[in-house]
PDB file of N, CA and C in Angstrom:
ATOM      1  N   UNK A   1     121.494  91.007  45.628  1.00  0.00           N
ATOM      2  CA  UNK A   1     122.708  90.633  46.616  1.00  0.00           C
ATOM      3  C   UNK A   1     123.836  90.324  46.330  1.00  0.00           C
ATOM      4  N   UNK A   2     123.492  89.393  45.410  1.00  0.00           N
ATOM      5  CA  UNK A   2     124.862  88.434  45.074  1.00  0.00           C
ATOM      6  C   UNK A   2     125.898  89.614  44.031  1.00  0.00           C
ATOM      7  N   UNK A   3     125.330  90.289  43.692  1.00  0.00           N
ATOM      8  CA  UNK A   3     125.653  91.353  42.894  1.00  0.00           C
ATOM      9  C   UNK A   3     126.550  92.380  43.508  1.00  0.00           C
ATOM     10  N   UNK A   4     125.836  93.083  44.884  1.00  0.00           N
ATOM     11  CA  UNK A   4     126.818  93.900  45.432  1.00  0.00           C
ATOM     12  C   UNK A   4     128.087  93.413  46.248  1.00  0.00           C
ATOM     13  N   UNK A   5     127.630  91.782  46.368  1.00  0.00           N
ATOM     14  CA  UNK A   5     128.550  90.949  47.332  1.00  0.00           C
ATOM     15  C   UNK A   5     129.855  90.682  46.411  1.00  0.00           C
ATOM     16  N   UNK A   6     130.073  90.764  45.525  1.00  0.00           N
ATOM     17  CA  UNK A   6     130.562  90.329  43.995  1.00  0.00           C
ATOM     18  C   UNK A   6     131.296  92.125  43.805  1.00  0.00           C
ATOM     19  N   UNK A   7     130.675  93.088  44.014  1.00  0.00           N
ATOM     20  CA  UNK A   7     131.346  93.855  43.465  1.00  0.00           C
ATOM     21  C   UNK A   7     132.481  94.459  44.428  1.00  0.00           C
ATOM     22  N   UNK A   8     131.980  93.685  46.096  1.00  0.00           N
ATOM     23  CA  UNK A   8     133.124  94.488  47.084  1.00  0.00           C
ATOM     24  C   UNK A   8     134.171  92.884  47.043  1.00  0.00           C
ATOM     25  N   UNK A   9     134.139  91.806  46.759  1.00  0.00           N
ATOM     26  CA  UNK A   9     134.811  91.116  46.593  1.00  0.00           C
ATOM     27  C   UNK A   9     135.221  90.166  47.627  1.00  0.00           C
ATOM     28  N   UNK A  10     133.506  90.000  47.947  1.00  0.00           N
ATOM     29  CA  UNK A  10     134.194  88.923  49.607  1.00  0.00           C
ATOM     30  C   UNK A  10     133.495  87.605  49.409  1.00  0.00           C
ATOM     31  N   UNK A  11     133.307  87.198  47.822  1.00  0.00           N
ATOM     32  CA  UNK A  11     132.857  85.629  47.469  1.00  0.00           C
ATOM     33  C   UNK A  11     134.147  84.885  47.592  1.00  0.00           C
ATOM     34  N   UNK A  12     134.207  84.688  48.830  1.00  0.00           N
ATOM     35  CA  UNK A  12     135.264  84.003  48.797  1.00  0.00           C
ATOM     36  C   UNK A  12     134.953  82.228  49.577  1.00  0.00           C
ATOM     37  N   UNK A  13     135.685  81.602  49.811  1.00  0.00           N
ATOM     38  CA  UNK A  13     135.516  80.075  50.243  1.00  0.00           C
ATOM     39  C   UNK A  13     134.978  80.478  51.564  1.00  0.00           C
ATOM     40  N   UNK A  14     135.707  81.494  52.544  1.00  0.00           N
ATOM     41  CA  UNK A  14     134.676  81.205  53.895  1.00  0.00           C
ATOM     42  C   UNK A  14     133.519  81.904  53.802  1.00  0.00           C
ATOM     43  N   UNK A  15     133.110  82.359  53.301  1.00  0.00           N
ATOM     44  CA  UNK A  15     131.656  83.288  53.088  1.00  0.00           C
ATOM     45  C   UNK A  15     130.409  81.818  52.451  1.00  0.00           C
ATOM     46  N   UNK A  16     131.095  81.243  51.621  1.00  0.00           N
ATOM     47  CA  UNK A  16     130.073  80.255  50.818  1.00  0.00           C
ATOM     48  C   UNK A  16     130.294  79.346  51.747  1.00  0.00           C
ATOM     49  N   UNK A  17     131.433  79.141  53.144  1.00  0.00           N
ATOM     50  CA  UNK A  17     130.761  77.946  53.820  1.00  0.00           C
ATOM     51  C   UNK A  17     130.276  78.510  54.721  1.00  0.00           C
ATOM     52  N   UNK A  18     129.925  79.381  55.097  1.00  0.00           N
ATOM     53  CA  UNK A  18     129.044  80.102  56.099  1.00  0.00           C
ATOM     54  C   UNK A  18     127.794  79.939  56.042  1.00  0.00           C
ATOM     55  N   UNK A  19     127.263  80.143  54.390  1.00  0.00           N
ATOM     56  CA  UNK A  19     126.411  80.245  54.020  1.00  0.00           C
ATOM     57  C   UNK A  19     125.283  78.622  53.533  1.00  0.00           C
ATOM     58  N   UNK A  20     126.494  78.009  52.996  1.00  0.00           N
ATOM     59  CA  UNK A  20     126.830  76.841  52.815  1.00  0.00           C
ATOM     60  C   UNK A  20     125.893  76.116  54.215  1.00  0.00           C
ATOM     61  N   UNK A  21     126.495  76.650  55.136  1.00  0.00           N
ATOM     62  CA  UNK A  21     126.293  75.872  56.657  1.00  0.00           C
ATOM     63  C   UNK A  21     125.188  76.207  57.507  1.00  0.00           C
ATOM     64  N   UNK A  22     124.880  77.551  57.130  1.00  0.00           N
ATOM     65  CA  UNK A  22     123.147  77.941  57.694  1.00  0.00           C
ATOM     66  C   UNK A  22     122.381  77.340  56.408  1.00  0.00           C
ATOM     67  N   UNK A  23     122.461  77.442  55.017  1.00  0.00           N
ATOM     68  CA  UNK A  23     121.725  76.843  53.977  1.00  0.00           C
ATOM     69  C   UNK A  23     121.346  74.997  54.902  1.00  0.00           C
ATOM     70  N   UNK A  24     122.362  74.235  54.781  1.00  0.00           N
ATOM     71  CA  UNK A  24     122.175  73.078  54.641  1.00  0.00           C
ATOM     72  C   UNK A  24     121.447  72.989  56.392  1.00  0.00           C
ATOM     73  N   UNK A  25     121.508  73.374  57.268  1.00  0.00           N
ATOM     74  CA  UNK A  25     120.982  73.177  58.623  1.00  0.00           C
ATOM     75  C   UNK A  25     119.634  73.722  58.202  1.00  0.00           C
ATOM     76  N   UNK A  26     119.549  75.467  57.787  1.00  0.00           N
ATOM     77  CA  UNK A  26     118.347  75.553  57.455  1.00  0.00           C
ATOM     78  C   UNK A  26     116.865  74.382  56.343  1.00  0.00           C
ATOM     79  N   UNK A  27     117.860  73.745  55.493  1.00  0.00           N
ATOM     80  CA  UNK A  27     116.897  72.771  55.051  1.00  0.00           C
ATOM     81  C   UNK A  27     116.009  71.611  55.705  1.00  0.00           C
ATOM     82  N   UNK A  28     117.476  70.725  56.268  1.00  0.00           N
ATOM     83  CA  UNK A  28     117.397  70.020  56.926  1.00  0.00           C
ATOM     84  C   UNK A  28     116.345  70.387  58.339  1.00  0.00           C
ATOM     85  N   UNK A  29     116.437  71.402  58.964  1.00  0.00           N
ATOM     86  CA  UNK A  29     115.446  71.673  60.514  1.00  0.00           C
ATOM     87  C   UNK A  29     113.968  72.549  59.721  1.00  0.00           C
ATOM     88  N   UNK A  30     113.808  72.913  58.187  1.00  0.00           N
ATOM     89  CA  UNK A  30     112.313  73.566  57.993  1.00  0.00           C
ATOM     90  C   UNK A  30     112.034  72.081  57.311  1.00  0.00           C
ATOM     91  N   UNK A  31     112.753  71.508  56.270  1.00  0.00           N
ATOM     92  CA  UNK A  31     111.750  70.268  55.863  1.00  0.00           C
ATOM     93  C   UNK A  31     112.017  68.777  56.114  1.00  0.00           C
ATOM     94  N   UNK A  32     113.292  68.473  57.118  1.00  0.00           N
ATOM     95  CA  UNK A  32     112.978  66.899  56.987  1.00  0.00           C
ATOM     96  C   UNK A  32     113.202  66.307  58.331  1.00  0.00           C
ATOM     97  N   UNK A  33     113.500  67.205  59.207  1.00  0.00           N
ATOM     98  CA  UNK A  33     113.517  67.204  60.796  1.00  0.00           C
ATOM     99  C   UNK A  33     112.375  66.401  61.408  1.00  0.00           C
ATOM    100  N   UNK A  34     112.674  65.486  62.071  1.00  0.00           N
ATOM    101  CA  UNK A  34     111.157  64.714  63.168  1.00  0.00           C
ATOM    102  C   UNK A  34     110.894  65.641  63.602  1.00  0.00           C
ATOM    103  N   UNK A  35     109.438  65.886  64.321  1.00  0.00           N
ATOM    104  CA  UNK A  35     108.854  66.820  64.848  1.00  0.00           C
ATOM    105  C   UNK A  35     109.242  66.583  66.050  1.00  0.00           C
ATOM    106  N   UNK A  36     108.645  64.873  66.285  1.00  0.00           N
ATOM    107  CA  UNK A  36     109.243  64.595  67.345  1.00  0.00           C
ATOM    108  C   UNK A  36     109.674  62.931  67.679  1.00  0.00           C
ATOM    109  N   UNK A  37     110.223  63.381  68.686  1.00  0.00           N
ATOM    110  CA  UNK A  37     111.174  62.174  68.882  1.00  0.00           C
ATOM    111  C   UNK A  37     110.711  60.879  69.768  1.00  0.00           C
ATOM    112  N   UNK A  38     111.573  59.565  68.981  1.00  0.00           N
ATOM    113  CA  UNK A  38     110.751  58.115  69.934  1.00  0.00           C
ATOM    114  C   UNK A  38     110.515  58.279  71.167  1.00  0.00           C
ATOM    115  N   UNK A  39     109.968  57.313  71.383  1.00  0.00           N
ATOM    116  CA  UNK A  39     109.588  57.203  73.315  1.00  0.00           C
ATOM    117  C   UNK A  39     110.723  57.251  73.667  1.00  0.00           C
ATOM    118  N   UNK A  40     111.414  56.397  73.325  1.00  0.00           N
ATOM    119  CA  UNK A  40     112.501  56.027  74.074  1.00  0.00           C
ATOM    120  C   UNK A  40     113.844  57.110  74.408  1.00  0.00           C
ATOM    121  N   UNK A  41     113.461  58.569  74.515  1.00  0.00           N
ATOM    122  CA  UNK A  41     114.227  59.673  73.862  1.00  0.00           C
ATOM    123  C   UNK A  41     113.070  60.264  75.407  1.00  0.00           C
ATOM    124  N   UNK A  42     112.468  60.074  75.987  1.00  0.00           N
ATOM    125  CA  UNK A  42     111.234  60.631  76.849  1.00  0.00           C
ATOM    126  C   UNK A  42     111.549  59.493  78.093  1.00  0.00           C
ATOM    127  N   UNK A  43     112.185  57.947  77.968  1.00  0.00           N
ATOM    128  CA  UNK A  43     112.496  57.119  78.821  1.00  0.00           C
ATOM    129  C   UNK A  43     113.835  57.025  79.407  1.00  0.00           C
ATOM    130  N   UNK A  44     114.592  57.643  79.046  1.00  0.00           N
ATOM    131  CA  UNK A  44     116.128  57.401  79.021  1.00  0.00           C
ATOM    132  C   UNK A  44     116.908  58.666  79.207  1.00  0.00           C
ATOM    133  N   UNK A  45     118.154  59.345  79.582  1.00  0.00           N
ATOM    134  CA  UNK A  45     118.769  60.715  79.429  1.00  0.00           C
ATOM    135  C   UNK A  45     119.475  60.358  78.177  1.00  0.00           C
ATOM    136  N   UNK A  46     118.906  60.792  77.284  1.00  0.00           N
ATOM    137  CA  UNK A  46     119.778  60.576  75.618  1.00  0.00           C
ATOM    138  C   UNK A  46     120.151  62.729  75.403  1.00  0.00           C
ATOM    139  N   UNK A  47     121.587  62.701  75.173  1.00  0.00           N
ATOM    140  CA  UNK A  47     122.228  63.996  74.610  1.00  0.00           C
ATOM    141  C   UNK A  47     122.031  63.688  73.377  1.00  0.00           C
ATOM    142  N   UNK A  48     122.152  63.305  72.405  1.00  0.00           N
ATOM    143  CA  UNK A  48     122.565  63.111  71.244  1.00  0.00           C
ATOM    144  C   UNK A  48     121.439  62.483  70.411  1.00  0.00           C
ATOM    145  N   UNK A  49     120.983  63.456  69.127  1.00  0.00           N
ATOM    146  CA  UNK A  49     120.128  62.741  68.118  1.00  0.00           C
ATOM    147  C   UNK A  49     120.403  62.146  66.721  1.00  0.00           C
ATOM    148  N   UNK A  50     120.490  61.170  66.443  1.00  0.00           N
ATOM    149  CA  UNK A  50     120.609  60.645  65.274  1.00  0.00           C
ATOM    150  C   UNK A  50     119.683  60.378  64.075  1.00  0.00           C
ATOM    151  N   UNK A  51     119.746  61.261  63.060  1.00  0.00           N
ATOM    152  CA  UNK A  51     118.503  60.604  61.844  1.00  0.00           C
ATOM    153  C   UNK A  51     119.287  60.907  60.638  1.00  0.00           C
ATOM    154  N   UNK A  52     119.404  59.558  60.507  1.00  0.00           N
ATOM    155  CA  UNK A  52     120.434  59.101  58.519  1.00  0.00           C
ATOM    156  C   UNK A  52     121.131  59.551  58.910  1.00  0.00           C
ATOM    157  N   UNK A  53     121.451  60.568  58.129  1.00  0.00           N
ATOM    158  CA  UNK A  53     123.372  61.179  57.725  1.00  0.00           C
ATOM    159  C   UNK A  53     123.622  62.304  59.056  1.00  0.00           C
ATOM    160  N   UNK A  54     122.329  62.731  59.586  1.00  0.00           N
ATOM    161  CA  UNK A  54     122.536  63.968  60.450  1.00  0.00           C
ATOM    162  C   UNK A  54     122.626  63.598  62.007  1.00  0.00           C
ATOM    163  N   UNK A  55     123.649  63.869  62.155  1.00  0.00           N
ATOM    164  CA  UNK A  55     124.342  63.992  63.939  1.00  0.00           C
ATOM    165  C   UNK A  55     124.428  65.039  64.729  1.00  0.00           C
ATOM    166  N   UNK A  56     123.206  64.932  66.098  1.00  0.00           N
ATOM    167  CA  UNK A  56     123.730  66.162  66.705  1.00  0.00           C
ATOM    168  C   UNK A  56     123.923  65.899  68.360  1.00  0.00           C
ATOM    169  N   UNK A  57     124.537  66.384  68.825  1.00  0.00           N
ATOM    170  CA  UNK A  57     125.291  65.878  70.112  1.00  0.00           C
ATOM    171  C   UNK A  57     125.398  66.829  71.279  1.00  0.00           C
ATOM    172  N   UNK A  58     124.690  67.362  71.942  1.00  0.00           N
ATOM    173  CA  UNK A  58     124.340  68.373  73.278  1.00  0.00           C
ATOM    174  C   UNK A  58     124.655  67.992  74.515  1.00  0.00           C
ATOM    175  N   UNK A  59     126.094  67.819  74.705  1.00  0.00           N
ATOM    176  CA  UNK A  59     126.371  67.114  76.107  1.00  0.00           C
ATOM    177  C   UNK A  59     125.617  68.052  76.862  1.00  0.00           C
ATOM    178  N   UNK A  60     125.512  67.260  78.030  1.00  0.00           N
ATOM    179  CA  UNK A  60     124.625  67.854  79.665  1.00  0.00           C
ATOM    180  C   UNK A  60     123.130  68.097  79.326  1.00  0.00           C
ATOM    181  N   UNK A  61     123.143  68.242  78.023  1.00  0.00           N
ATOM    182  CA  UNK A  61     121.435  68.064  77.954  1.00  0.00           C
ATOM    183  C   UNK A  61     120.706  67.350  77.205  1.00  0.00           C
ATOM    184  N   UNK A  62     119.681  66.872  78.616  1.00  0.00           N
ATOM    185  CA  UNK A  62     118.521  65.776  77.929  1.00  0.00           C
ATOM    186  C   UNK A  62     117.776  65.952  77.238  1.00  0.00           C
ATOM    187  N   UNK A  63     117.743  65.736  75.611  1.00  0.00           N
ATOM    188  CA  UNK A  63     116.914  65.599  74.659  1.00  0.00           C
ATOM    189  C   UNK A  63     115.228  64.664  75.327  1.00  0.00           C
ATOM    190  N   UNK A  64     114.446  65.462  74.131  1.00  0.00           N
ATOM    191  CA  UNK A  64     112.983  64.676  74.877  1.00  0.00           C
ATOM    192  C   UNK A  64     112.023  65.591  73.624  1.00  0.00           C
ATOM    193  N   UNK A  65     110.597  64.763  74.528  1.00  0.00           N
ATOM    194  CA  UNK A  65     109.926  65.176  73.631  1.00  0.00           C
ATOM    195  C   UNK A  65     108.772  66.952  73.849  1.00  0.00           C
ATOM    196  N   UNK A  66     109.948  67.261  75.327  1.00  0.00           N
ATOM    197  CA  UNK A  66     109.764  68.239  75.737  1.00  0.00           C
ATOM    198  C   UNK A  66     110.167  69.284  75.038  1.00  0.00           C
ATOM    199  N   UNK A  67     111.234  68.994  75.414  1.00  0.00           N
ATOM    200  CA  UNK A  67     112.052  70.311  74.838  1.00  0.00           C
ATOM    201  C   UNK A  67     112.667  70.822  73.422  1.00  0.00           C
ATOM    202  N   UNK A  68     112.619  69.295  72.476  1.00  0.00           N
ATOM    203  CA  UNK A  68     112.631  69.141  71.035  1.00  0.00           C
ATOM    204  C   UNK A  68     111.844  69.995  70.151  1.00  0.00           C
ATOM    205  N   UNK A  69     110.389  70.508  70.538  1.00  0.00           N
ATOM    206  CA  UNK A  69     110.154  71.545  69.430  1.00  0.00           C
ATOM    207  C   UNK A  69     110.669  72.415  69.478  1.00  0.00           C
ATOM    208  N   UNK A  70     111.046  73.520  71.337  1.00  0.00           N
ATOM    209  CA  UNK A  70     112.026  74.231  71.206  1.00  0.00           C
ATOM    210  C   UNK A  70     113.055  74.657  70.276  1.00  0.00           C
ATOM    211  N   UNK A  71     114.154  73.640  70.276  1.00  0.00           N
ATOM    212  CA  UNK A  71     115.362  73.330  69.956  1.00  0.00           C
ATOM    213  C   UNK A  71     115.305  73.320  68.564  1.00  0.00           C
ATOM    214  N   UNK A  72     114.053  72.277  67.743  1.00  0.00           N
ATOM    215  CA  UNK A  72     114.147  73.279  66.269  1.00  0.00           C
ATOM    216  C   UNK A  72     113.451  74.037  66.104  1.00  0.00           C
ATOM    217  N   UNK A  73     113.303  75.039  66.724  1.00  0.00           N
ATOM    218  CA  UNK A  73     112.390  76.328  65.908  1.00  0.00           C
ATOM    219  C   UNK A  73     113.317  77.194  66.272  1.00  0.00           C
ATOM    220  N   UNK A  74     114.591  77.362  67.544  1.00  0.00           N
ATOM    221  CA  UNK A  74     116.217  77.725  67.458  1.00  0.00           C
ATOM    222  C   UNK A  74     116.882  77.520  66.312  1.00  0.00           C
ATOM    223  N   UNK A  75     116.580  76.558  65.940  1.00  0.00           N
ATOM    224  CA  UNK A  75     117.923  76.164  64.473  1.00  0.00           C
ATOM    225  C   UNK A  75     116.839  76.807  63.527  1.00  0.00           C
ATOM    226  N   UNK A  76     115.572  76.470  63.041  1.00  0.00           N
ATOM    227  CA  UNK A  76     114.983  77.081  61.687  1.00  0.00           C
ATOM    228  C   UNK A  76     115.312  78.763  62.127  1.00  0.00           C
ATOM    229  N   UNK A  77     114.700  79.423  63.062  1.00  0.00           N
ATOM    230  CA  UNK A  77     115.299  80.716  63.637  1.00  0.00           C
ATOM    231  C   UNK A  77     116.520  81.367  62.559  1.00  0.00           C
ATOM    232  N   UNK A  78     117.564  80.433  63.556  1.00  0.00           N
ATOM    233  CA  UNK A  78     119.217  80.510  63.090  1.00  0.00           C
ATOM    234  C   UNK A  78     119.372  80.662  61.359  1.00  0.00           C
ATOM    235  N   UNK A  79     118.747  79.129  61.108  1.00  0.00           N
ATOM    236  CA  UNK A  79     119.525  79.292  59.587  1.00  0.00           C
ATOM    237  C   UNK A  79     118.928  80.482  59.089  1.00  0.00           C
ATOM    238  N   UNK A  80     117.178  81.071  59.279  1.00  0.00           N
ATOM    239  CA  UNK A  80     116.960  81.829  58.184  1.00  0.00           C
ATOM    240  C   UNK A  80     117.596  83.342  58.388  1.00  0.00           C
ATOM    241  N   UNK A  81     117.728  83.604  59.840  1.00  0.00           N
ATOM    242  CA  UNK A  81     118.393  84.668  59.801  1.00  0.00           C
ATOM    243  C   UNK A  81     120.189  84.785  59.817  1.00  0.00           C
ATOM    244  N   UNK A  82     120.639  83.693  59.497  1.00  0.00           N
ATOM    245  CA  UNK A  82     122.340  83.791  59.441  1.00  0.00           C
ATOM    246  C   UNK A  82     122.494  83.719  57.484  1.00  0.00           C
ATOM    247  N   UNK A  83     121.243  83.433  57.244  1.00  0.00           N
ATOM    248  CA  UNK A  83     120.913  83.384  55.623  1.00  0.00           C
ATOM    249  C   UNK A  83     121.065  84.927  55.118  1.00  0.00           C
ATOM    250  N   UNK A  84     120.115  86.027  56.191  1.00  0.00           N
ATOM    251  CA  UNK A  84     120.490  87.519  55.401  1.00  0.00           C
ATOM    252  C   UNK A  84     121.455  87.770  56.485  1.00  0.00           C
ATOM    253  N   UNK A  85     122.097  87.492  58.015  1.00  0.00           N
ATOM    254  CA  UNK A  85     122.767  88.856  58.357  1.00  0.00           C
ATOM    255  C   UNK A  85     124.446  88.394  57.674  1.00  0.00           C
ATOM    256  N   UNK A  86     124.559  87.045  57.381  1.00  0.00           N
ATOM    257  CA  UNK A  86     126.154  87.166  56.659  1.00  0.00           C
ATOM    258  C   UNK A  86     126.229  87.980  55.785  1.00  0.00           C
ATOM    259  N   UNK A  87     125.593  87.082  54.668  1.00  0.00           N
ATOM    260  CA  UNK A  87     125.362  88.566  53.266  1.00  0.00           C
ATOM    261  C   UNK A  87     125.789  90.151  53.644  1.00  0.00           C
ATOM    262  N   UNK A  88     124.534  90.290  54.904  1.00  0.00           N
ATOM    263  CA  UNK A  88     124.785  91.375  54.877  1.00  0.00           C
ATOM    264  C   UNK A  88     125.812  91.953  55.890  1.00  0.00           C
ATOM    265  N   UNK A  89     126.530  91.255  56.874  1.00  0.00           N
ATOM    266  CA  UNK A  89     127.704  91.652  57.509  1.00  0.00           C
ATOM    267  C   UNK A  89     128.312  91.781  56.328  1.00  0.00           C
ATOM    268  N   UNK A  90     128.791  91.125  55.093  1.00  0.00           N
ATOM    269  CA  UNK A  90     129.777  90.812  54.006  1.00  0.00           C
ATOM    270  C   UNK A  90     129.874  91.831  53.374  1.00  0.00           C
ATOM    271  N   UNK A  91     128.581  92.687  53.259  1.00  0.00           N
ATOM    272  CA  UNK A  91     128.180  93.797  52.465  1.00  0.00           C
ATOM    273  C   UNK A  91     128.605  94.930  53.308  1.00  0.00           C
ATOM    274  N   UNK A  92     128.385  95.183  54.129  1.00  0.00           N
ATOM    275  CA  UNK A  92     129.067  96.107  55.305  1.00  0.00           C
ATOM    276  C   UNK A  92     130.456  95.775  55.798  1.00  0.00           C
ATOM    277  N   UNK A  93     130.773  95.308  55.936  1.00  0.00           N
ATOM    278  CA  UNK A  93     132.342  94.980  56.286  1.00  0.00           C
ATOM    279  C   UNK A  93     132.807  94.798  55.103  1.00  0.00           C
ATOM    280  N   UNK A  94     132.995  93.746  54.175  1.00  0.00           N
ATOM    281  CA  UNK A  94     133.977  93.511  52.688  1.00  0.00           C
ATOM    282  C   UNK A  94     134.895  92.456  53.280  1.00  0.00           C
ATOM    283  N   UNK A  95     135.701  92.764  52.567  1.00  0.00           N
ATOM    284  CA  UNK A  95     137.263  91.362  52.753  1.00  0.00           C
ATOM    285  C   UNK A  95     137.615  91.773  53.637  1.00  0.00           C
ATOM    286  N   UNK A  96     137.737  92.268  54.503  1.00  0.00           N
ATOM    287  CA  UNK A  96     138.116  92.784  55.894  1.00  0.00           C
ATOM    288  C   UNK A  96     137.501  91.493  56.747  1.00  0.00           C
ATOM    289  N   UNK A  97     136.226  91.382  56.644  1.00  0.00           N
ATOM    290  CA  UNK A  97     135.561  90.215  57.254  1.00  0.00           C
ATOM    291  C   UNK A  97     136.191  88.600  57.367  1.00  0.00           C
ATOM    292  N   UNK A  98     136.026  88.520  55.987  1.00  0.00           N
ATOM    293  CA  UNK A  98     136.725  87.170  55.556  1.00  0.00           C
ATOM    294  C   UNK A  98     138.151  86.982  55.398  1.00  0.00           C
ATOM    295  N   UNK A  99     139.064  87.511  55.981  1.00  0.00           N
ATOM    296  CA  UNK A  99     140.589  87.332  56.492  1.00  0.00           C
ATOM    297  C   UNK A  99     140.988  87.539  57.441  1.00  0.00           C
ATOM    298  N   UNK A 100     142.380  86.345  57.563  1.00  0.00           N
ATOM    299  CA  UNK A 100     143.050  86.070  59.009  1.00  0.00           C
ATOM    300  C   UNK A 100     141.729  85.731  60.151  1.00  0.00           C
ATOM    301  N   UNK A 101     141.807  86.699  61.229  1.00  0.00           N
ATOM    302  CA  UNK A 101     141.251  85.867  62.263  1.00  0.00           C
ATOM    303  C   UNK A 101     139.711  85.757  62.312  1.00  0.00           C
ATOM    304  N   UNK A 102     139.321  87.193  61.378  1.00  0.00           N
ATOM    305  CA  UNK A 102     137.995  87.403  60.519  1.00  0.00           C
ATOM    306  C   UNK A 102     137.408  85.877  60.565  1.00  0.00           C
ATOM    307  N   UNK A 103     138.043  85.102  59.467  1.00  0.00           N
ATOM    308  CA  UNK A 103     137.434  84.050  59.749  1.00  0.00           C
ATOM    309  C   UNK A 103     137.158  82.979  60.448  1.00  0.00           C
ATOM    310  N   UNK A 104     138.120  82.749  61.611  1.00  0.00           N
ATOM    311  CA  UNK A 104     137.961  82.117  62.469  1.00  0.00           C
ATOM    312  C   UNK A 104     136.195  83.161  63.964  1.00  0.00           C
ATOM    313  N   UNK A 105     136.444  84.427  63.872  1.00  0.00           N
ATOM    314  CA  UNK A 105     135.800  84.865  64.304  1.00  0.00           C
ATOM    315  C   UNK A 105     134.154  84.609  64.031  1.00  0.00           C
ATOM    316  N   UNK A 106     134.169  84.850  62.776  1.00  0.00           N
ATOM    317  CA  UNK A 106     132.935  84.614  61.798  1.00  0.00           C
ATOM    318  C   UNK A 106     132.295  83.377  62.411  1.00  0.00           C
ATOM    319  N   UNK A 107     133.259  82.250  62.102  1.00  0.00           N
ATOM    320  CA  UNK A 107     132.389  80.380  62.123  1.00  0.00           C
ATOM    321  C   UNK A 107     132.549  80.546  63.343  1.00  0.00           C
ATOM    322  N   UNK A 108     133.347  81.035  64.405  1.00  0.00           N
ATOM    323  CA  UNK A 108     132.770  80.835  66.212  1.00  0.00           C
ATOM    324  C   UNK A 108     130.982  81.449  66.377  1.00  0.00           C
ATOM    325  N   UNK A 109     130.903  83.046  65.528  1.00  0.00           N
ATOM    326  CA  UNK A 109     129.808  83.589  65.754  1.00  0.00           C
ATOM    327  C   UNK A 109     128.429  82.886  65.131  1.00  0.00           C
ATOM    328  N   UNK A 110     129.109  82.216  64.307  1.00  0.00           N
ATOM    329  CA  UNK A 110     128.190  81.325  63.130  1.00  0.00           C
ATOM    330  C   UNK A 110     127.705  80.005  64.492  1.00  0.00           C
ATOM    331  N   UNK A 111     128.755  79.261  64.657  1.00  0.00           N
ATOM    332  CA  UNK A 111     127.978  78.069  65.090  1.00  0.00           C
ATOM    333  C   UNK A 111     127.654  78.298  66.705  1.00  0.00           C
ATOM    334  N   UNK A 112     128.334  79.402  67.294  1.00  0.00           N
ATOM    335  CA  UNK A 112     127.999  79.884  68.490  1.00  0.00           C
ATOM    336  C   UNK A 112     126.624  80.263  68.612  1.00  0.00           C
ATOM    337  N   UNK A 113     125.990  81.313  67.571  1.00  0.00           N
ATOM    338  CA  UNK A 113     124.503  81.104  67.455  1.00  0.00           C
ATOM    339  C   UNK A 113     124.003  80.533  67.418  1.00  0.00           C
ATOM    340  N   UNK A 114     124.591  79.286  66.888  1.00  0.00           N
ATOM    341  CA  UNK A 114     123.164  78.393  66.870  1.00  0.00           C
ATOM    342  C   UNK A 114     123.346  77.082  67.959  1.00  0.00           C
ATOM    343  N   UNK A 115     124.453  76.743  68.547  1.00  0.00           N
ATOM    344  CA  UNK A 115     124.785  75.884  69.607  1.00  0.00           C
ATOM    345  C   UNK A 115     124.366  76.847  71.056  1.00  0.00           C
ATOM    346  N   UNK A 116     124.615  77.433  71.182  1.00  0.00           N
ATOM    347  CA  UNK A 116     124.495  77.751  72.708  1.00  0.00           C
ATOM    348  C   UNK A 116     123.242  78.567  72.494  1.00  0.00           C
ATOM    349  N   UNK A 117     121.974  79.077  72.014  1.00  0.00           N
ATOM    350  CA  UNK A 117     120.292  78.874  72.118  1.00  0.00           C
ATOM    351  C   UNK A 117     119.882  77.982  71.865  1.00  0.00           C
ATOM    352  N   UNK A 118     120.395  76.992  71.052  1.00  0.00           N
ATOM    353  CA  UNK A 118     119.784  75.856  71.422  1.00  0.00           C
ATOM    354  C   UNK A 118     119.696  74.875  72.624  1.00  0.00           C
ATOM    355  N   UNK A 119     121.050  75.027  73.112  1.00  0.00           N
ATOM    356  CA  UNK A 119     121.644  74.309  74.484  1.00  0.00           C
ATOM    357  C   UNK A 119     120.616  75.335  75.539  1.00  0.00           C
ATOM    358  N   UNK A 120     120.686  76.532  75.475  1.00  0.00           N
ATOM    359  CA  UNK A 120     119.768  77.399  76.794  1.00  0.00           C
ATOM    360  C   UNK A 120     118.112  76.707  76.496  1.00  0.00           C
ATOM    361  N   UNK A 121     117.443  77.131  75.400  1.00  0.00           N
ATOM    362  CA  UNK A 121     116.552  76.657  75.005  1.00  0.00           C
ATOM    363  C   UNK A 121     116.201  75.054  75.610  1.00  0.00           C
ATOM    364  N   UNK A 122     117.117  74.283  75.056  1.00  0.00           N
ATOM    365  CA  UNK A 122     116.836  72.622  75.990  1.00  0.00           C
ATOM    366  C   UNK A 122     116.758  72.614  76.982  1.00  0.00           C
ATOM    367  N   UNK A 123     117.797  73.239  77.920  1.00  0.00           N
ATOM    368  CA  UNK A 123     118.044  73.141  79.212  1.00  0.00           C
ATOM    369  C   UNK A 123     116.446  73.614  80.396  1.00  0.00           C
ATOM    370  N   UNK A 124     115.732  74.676  79.419  1.00  0.00           N
ATOM    371  CA  UNK A 124     114.963  75.619  79.858  1.00  0.00           C
ATOM    372  C   UNK A 124     113.916  74.598  80.218  1.00  0.00           C
ATOM    373  N   UNK A 125     113.698  74.305  78.635  1.00  0.00           N
ATOM    374  CA  UNK A 125     112.436  72.942  78.867  1.00  0.00           C
ATOM    375  C   UNK A 125     112.637  71.488  79.273  1.00  0.00           C
ATOM    376  N   UNK A 126     113.900  71.431  79.708  1.00  0.00           N
ATOM    377  CA  UNK A 126     114.486  70.006  79.967  1.00  0.00           C
ATOM    378  C   UNK A 126     113.262  69.315  81.456  1.00  0.00           C
TER     379      UNK A 126
END
């Protein structure tokens, strides 16, 4: 797939930033994320999760062991899908995707596709 992307000239910095974000989040959420939060998350209203260098804050959402597995599953799904969709879109749309407002739109779609479903699933099982 990389060869096809290289032919279309879309191996740009925003492309690698998007793929890097998806890969970084994917590696963390698939291999290193704690699957159970400490007990104080269930006892208190906490909207942030800290795990070493990883920081995540979902304002207005109370994180607990009831909704944490669902949030993790959303993040895992997002990372895997993003690593397929971003290069696929890059091949179909080409360099126009990564120029001008396309950079901003793609970044908003990428991050919105992570945090909005994460928030909705967290609220559903809160």
